[in-house]
Amino acid sequence: MHIGVNFEEFCYNHGIYINLNNSLDTLIRGFCFYDGNVYHVILNNRFDSQQLKKTTIHEIIHVLENHFSCHINDAWECEKEVKDMIKVMELVFV
């Protein structure tokens, strides 16, 4: 018996759209922005599937933690929060 939602349903329910992009510089793994209606997670398709998964998780944490309301001066603190959360998830789930 399957309980819960799959990844696509989760994203739809939270207004998150995932897009692959082939034209990003290789220094950029991905980014996310809010257009006032939905969240757009843009992933650099030049990276392998494992890195794309990691970047997706990173960007979705920004959405779920509502980092779009943070002041620009707090950007590094938001990044640190995401990295810390991922470390905890890796300890628990890996």
C-alpha atoms as a PDB file:
ATOM      1  CA  MET A   1       0.000   0.000   0.000  1.00  0.00           C
ATOM      2  CA  HIS A   2       1.387   3.384  -1.021  1.00  0.00           C
ATOM      3  CA  ILE A   3       0.795   6.259   1.383  1.00  0.00           C
ATOM      4  CA  GLY A   4       1.709   9.834   0.564  1.00  0.00           C
ATOM      5  CA  VAL A   5       2.459  11.555  -2.685  1.00  0.00           C
ATOM      6  CA  ASN A   6       5.138  11.119  -5.294  1.00  0.00           C
ATOM      7  CA  PHE A   7       7.688  13.810  -6.103  1.00  0.00           C
ATOM      8  CA  GLU A   8       5.677  15.319  -8.957  1.00  0.00           C
ATOM      9  CA  GLU A   9       2.568  15.597  -6.773  1.00  0.00           C
ATOM     10  CA  PHE A  10       4.623  17.119  -3.958  1.00  0.00           C
ATOM     11  CA  CYS A  11       6.015  19.792  -6.287  1.00  0.00           C
ATOM     12  CA  TYR A  12       2.598  20.513  -7.798  1.00  0.00           C
ATOM     13  CA  ASN A  13       0.992  20.803  -4.347  1.00  0.00           C
ATOM     14  CA  HIS A  14       3.675  23.277  -3.258  1.00  0.00           C
ATOM     15  CA  GLY A  15       3.746  25.324  -6.465  1.00  0.00           C
ATOM     16  CA  ILE A  16       7.234  24.207  -7.416  1.00  0.00           C
ATOM     17  CA  TYR A  17       8.229  23.862 -11.068  1.00  0.00           C
ATOM     18  CA  ILE A  18      11.475  22.068 -11.910  1.00  0.00           C
ATOM     19  CA  ASN A  19      13.183  23.048 -15.168  1.00  0.00           C
ATOM     20  CA  LEU A  20      16.389  21.787 -16.769  1.00  0.00           C
ATOM     21  CA  ASN A  21      18.583  24.338 -18.506  1.00  0.00           C
ATOM     22  CA  ASN A  22      21.464  23.606 -20.881  1.00  0.00           C
ATOM     23  CA  SER A  23      22.749  27.162 -21.184  1.00  0.00           C
ATOM     24  CA  LEU A  24      23.941  27.872 -17.632  1.00  0.00           C
ATOM     25  CA  ASP A  25      27.617  28.353 -16.858  1.00  0.00           C
ATOM     26  CA  THR A  26      29.208  25.265 -15.312  1.00  0.00           C
ATOM     27  CA  LEU A  27      29.866  27.225 -12.115  1.00  0.00           C
ATOM     28  CA  ILE A  28      26.099  27.284 -11.490  1.00  0.00           C
ATOM     29  CA  ARG A  29      24.503  24.003 -10.452  1.00  0.00           C
ATOM     30  CA  GLY A  30      21.071  25.541 -10.114  1.00  0.00           C
ATOM     31  CA  PHE A  31      18.997  28.254  -8.532  1.00  0.00           C
ATOM     32  CA  CYS A  32      15.459  29.012  -7.488  1.00  0.00           C
ATOM     33  CA  PHE A  33      13.214  32.040  -7.722  1.00  0.00           C
ATOM     34  CA  TYR A  34       9.647  32.973  -6.842  1.00  0.00           C
ATOM     35  CA  ASP A  35       7.663  34.812  -9.502  1.00  0.00           C
ATOM     36  CA  GLY A  36       4.837  35.841  -7.174  1.00  0.00           C
ATOM     37  CA  ASN A  37       2.787  32.745  -7.982  1.00  0.00           C
ATOM     38  CA  VAL A  38       5.048  29.698  -8.157  1.00  0.00           C
ATOM     39  CA  TYR A  39       8.617  28.692  -7.373  1.00  0.00           C
ATOM     40  CA  HIS A  40      10.931  27.902 -10.264  1.00  0.00           C
ATOM     41  CA  VAL A  41      13.843  25.551  -9.623  1.00  0.00           C
ATOM     42  CA  ILE A  42      16.278  25.846 -12.519  1.00  0.00           C
ATOM     43  CA  LEU A  43      18.802  23.022 -12.778  1.00  0.00           C
ATOM     44  CA  ASN A  44      21.947  23.025 -14.878  1.00  0.00           C
ATOM     45  CA  ASN A  45      21.541  19.989 -17.112  1.00  0.00           C
ATOM     46  CA  ARG A  46      25.307  19.895 -17.726  1.00  0.00           C
ATOM     47  CA  PHE A  47      25.715  18.054 -14.409  1.00  0.00           C
ATOM     48  CA  ASP A  48      25.121  14.346 -13.871  1.00  0.00           C
ATOM     49  CA  SER A  49      21.916  12.940 -12.401  1.00  0.00           C
ATOM     50  CA  GLN A  50      23.413  12.552  -8.904  1.00  0.00           C
ATOM     51  CA  GLN A  51      24.374  16.235  -8.755  1.00  0.00           C
ATOM     52  CA  LEU A  52      20.969  17.238 -10.159  1.00  0.00           C
ATOM     53  CA  LYS A  53      19.286  15.342  -7.304  1.00  0.00           C
ATOM     54  CA  LYS A  54      21.470  17.091  -4.712  1.00  0.00           C
ATOM     55  CA  THR A  55      20.810  20.490  -6.245  1.00  0.00           C
ATOM     56  CA  THR A  56      17.069  19.820  -6.387  1.00  0.00           C
ATOM     57  CA  ILE A  57      17.013  18.958  -2.676  1.00  0.00           C
ATOM     58  CA  HIS A  58      19.058  22.073  -1.878  1.00  0.00           C
ATOM     59  CA  GLU A  59      16.728  24.375  -3.797  1.00  0.00           C
ATOM     60  CA  ILE A  60      13.528  22.794  -2.460  1.00  0.00           C
ATOM     61  CA  ILE A  61      14.777  23.339   1.088  1.00  0.00           C
ATOM     62  CA  HIS A  62      15.073  27.056   0.230  1.00  0.00           C
ATOM     63  CA  VAL A  63      11.411  26.977  -0.839  1.00  0.00           C
ATOM     64  CA  LEU A  64      10.185  25.074   2.213  1.00  0.00           C
ATOM     65  CA  GLU A  65      12.160  27.325   4.578  1.00  0.00           C
ATOM     66  CA  ASN A  66      10.728  30.431   2.841  1.00  0.00           C
ATOM     67  CA  HIS A  67      14.165  31.891   2.205  1.00  0.00           C
ATOM     68  CA  PHE A  68      12.681  34.224  -0.382  1.00  0.00           C
ATOM     69  CA  SER A  69      11.526  36.518   2.394  1.00  0.00           C
ATOM     70  CA  CYS A  70      15.067  36.799   3.831  1.00  0.00           C
ATOM     71  CA  HIS A  71      16.978  40.040   3.472  1.00  0.00           C
ATOM     72  CA  ILE A  72      19.830  39.949   0.944  1.00  0.00           C
ATOM     73  CA  ASN A  73      22.326  40.435   3.800  1.00  0.00           C
ATOM     74  CA  ASP A  74      21.138  37.113   5.268  1.00  0.00           C
ATOM     75  CA  ALA A  75      21.774  35.081   2.086  1.00  0.00           C
ATOM     76  CA  TRP A  76      24.859  33.357   3.494  1.00  0.00           C
ATOM     77  CA  GLU A  77      22.958  32.423   6.646  1.00  0.00           C
ATOM     78  CA  CYS A  78      20.209  30.871   4.501  1.00  0.00           C
ATOM     79  CA  GLU A  79      22.829  28.880   2.575  1.00  0.00           C
ATOM     80  CA  LYS A  80      24.360  27.689   5.848  1.00  0.00           C
ATOM     81  CA  GLU A  81      20.936  26.633   7.111  1.00  0.00           C
ATOM     82  CA  VAL A  82      20.338  24.541   3.985  1.00  0.00           C
ATOM     83  CA  LYS A  83      23.768  22.895   4.208  1.00  0.00           C
ATOM     84  CA  ASP A  84      23.223  22.083   7.884  1.00  0.00           C
ATOM     85  CA  MET A  85      19.817  20.551   7.151  1.00  0.00           C
ATOM     86  CA  ILE A  86      21.287  18.410   4.380  1.00  0.00           C
ATOM     87  CA  LYS A  87      24.029  17.170   6.725  1.00  0.00           C
ATOM     88  CA  VAL A  88      21.373  16.068   9.226  1.00  0.00           C
ATOM     89  CA  MET A  89      19.341  14.386   6.485  1.00  0.00           C
ATOM     90  CA  GLU A  90      22.416  12.499   5.295  1.00  0.00           C
ATOM     91  CA  LEU A  91      23.081  11.235   8.814  1.00  0.00           C
ATOM     92  CA  VAL A  92      19.492  10.088   9.263  1.00  0.00           C
ATOM     93  CA  PHE A  93      18.704   8.696   5.818  1.00  0.00           C
ATOM     94  CA  VAL A  94      22.011   7.387   4.458  1.00  0.00           C
END
